[in-house]
Amino acid sequence: MEYLITPDQPTQWKINPVDFIENLEKSWHDTTLFAQQMHN
């Protein structure tokens, strides 16, 4: 599966890389939890 990252604003591409990675991991985690709930 491919994941497309669509920032709300173009300026979000200029944020701290560490924050970007943390937000990406959180988004992935939330998506995984949602997927697990859908399977239950």
N, C-alpha and C. Protein backbone atom coordinates (compact mmCIF):
# COMPACT_ATOMS: atom_id res chain seq x y z
N MET A 1 0.85 -1.20 0.00
CA MET A 1 0.00 0.00 0.00
C MET A 1 0.89 1.25 0.00
N GLU A 2 0.45 2.23 -0.74
CA GLU A 2 1.22 3.48 -0.80
C GLU A 2 0.56 4.52 0.09
N TYR A 3 1.39 5.31 0.73
CA TYR A 3 0.88 6.37 1.60
C TYR A 3 1.26 7.71 1.00
N LEU A 4 0.26 8.52 0.73
CA LEU A 4 0.52 9.85 0.19
C LEU A 4 0.42 10.86 1.32
N ILE A 5 1.41 11.71 1.41
CA ILE A 5 1.44 12.72 2.47
C ILE A 5 0.97 14.04 1.88
N THR A 6 -0.16 14.52 2.34
CA THR A 6 -0.70 15.78 1.83
C THR A 6 -0.77 16.78 2.97
N PRO A 7 0.20 17.68 3.06
CA PRO A 7 0.19 18.68 4.13
C PRO A 7 -0.97 19.65 3.95
N ASP A 8 -1.51 20.13 5.09
CA ASP A 8 -2.61 21.09 5.04
C ASP A 8 -2.15 22.38 4.38
N GLN A 9 -0.90 22.74 4.63
CA GLN A 9 -0.34 23.96 4.06
C GLN A 9 1.05 23.65 3.54
N PRO A 10 1.45 24.27 2.43
CA PRO A 10 2.78 24.02 1.87
C PRO A 10 3.89 24.30 2.88
N THR A 11 3.66 25.23 3.81
CA THR A 11 4.70 25.58 4.77
C THR A 11 5.02 24.43 5.70
N GLN A 12 4.14 23.44 5.79
CA GLN A 12 4.40 22.32 6.69
C GLN A 12 5.59 21.49 6.23
N TRP A 13 5.96 21.63 4.96
CA TRP A 13 7.12 20.89 4.47
C TRP A 13 8.42 21.45 5.04
N LYS A 14 8.34 22.63 5.68
CA LYS A 14 9.54 23.27 6.20
C LYS A 14 9.71 23.05 7.70
N ILE A 15 8.91 22.15 8.27
CA ILE A 15 8.98 21.93 9.71
C ILE A 15 10.21 21.10 10.06
N ASN A 16 10.47 21.00 11.35
CA ASN A 16 11.59 20.21 11.85
C ASN A 16 11.44 18.75 11.41
N PRO A 17 12.48 18.18 10.80
CA PRO A 17 12.39 16.78 10.34
C PRO A 17 12.01 15.81 11.45
N VAL A 18 12.51 16.06 12.66
CA VAL A 18 12.18 15.17 13.78
C VAL A 18 10.69 15.24 14.08
N ASP A 19 10.14 16.46 14.11
CA ASP A 19 8.71 16.60 14.34
C ASP A 19 7.93 15.93 13.23
N PHE A 20 8.43 16.07 12.00
CA PHE A 20 7.74 15.46 10.86
C PHE A 20 7.69 13.94 11.02
N ILE A 21 8.82 13.36 11.42
CA ILE A 21 8.87 11.90 11.61
C ILE A 21 7.95 11.48 12.74
N GLU A 22 7.95 12.23 13.84
CA GLU A 22 7.09 11.88 14.97
C GLU A 22 5.62 11.96 14.56
N ASN A 23 5.26 13.00 13.83
CA ASN A 23 3.88 13.15 13.37
C ASN A 23 3.52 12.03 12.41
N LEU A 24 4.47 11.66 11.56
CA LEU A 24 4.23 10.59 10.60
C LEU A 24 4.01 9.27 11.32
N GLU A 25 4.84 9.01 12.34
CA GLU A 25 4.69 7.78 13.12
C GLU A 25 3.36 7.77 13.85
N LYS A 26 2.95 8.92 14.40
CA LYS A 26 1.68 8.99 15.11
C LYS A 26 0.53 8.74 14.14
N SER A 27 0.61 9.34 12.96
CA SER A 27 -0.44 9.14 11.97
C SER A 27 -0.52 7.67 11.57
N TRP A 28 0.64 7.04 11.40
CA TRP A 28 0.67 5.62 11.04
C TRP A 28 0.09 4.79 12.16
N HIS A 29 0.43 5.15 13.40
CA HIS A 29 -0.07 4.42 14.56
C HIS A 29 -1.59 4.55 14.65
N ASP A 30 -2.10 5.77 14.47
CA ASP A 30 -3.55 5.99 14.54
C ASP A 30 -4.24 5.21 13.42
N THR A 31 -3.64 5.19 12.23
CA THR A 31 -4.23 4.47 11.11
C THR A 31 -4.26 2.97 11.39
N THR A 32 -3.19 2.47 12.02
CA THR A 32 -3.12 1.05 12.34
C THR A 32 -4.20 0.69 13.36
N LEU A 33 -4.38 1.53 14.37
CA LEU A 33 -5.42 1.27 15.38
C LEU A 33 -6.79 1.27 14.72
N PHE A 34 -7.01 2.20 13.81
CA PHE A 34 -8.30 2.29 13.11
C PHE A 34 -8.52 1.02 12.29
N ALA A 35 -7.48 0.55 11.62
CA ALA A 35 -7.60 -0.65 10.80
C ALA A 35 -7.92 -1.86 11.67
N GLN A 36 -7.29 -1.93 12.85
CA GLN A 36 -7.55 -3.05 13.74
C GLN A 36 -9.00 -3.03 14.22
N GLN A 37 -9.52 -1.84 14.49
CA GLN A 37 -10.90 -1.73 14.95
C GLN A 37 -11.86 -2.15 13.84
N MET A 38 -11.51 -1.85 12.60
CA MET A 38 -12.37 -2.21 11.48
C MET A 38 -12.43 -3.73 11.31
N HIS A 39 -11.36 -4.41 11.66
CA HIS A 39 -11.31 -5.87 11.51
C HIS A 39 -12.03 -6.57 12.65
N ASN A 40 -12.17 -5.92 13.78
CA ASN A 40 -12.82 -6.55 14.93
C ASN A 40 -14.33 -6.52 14.79
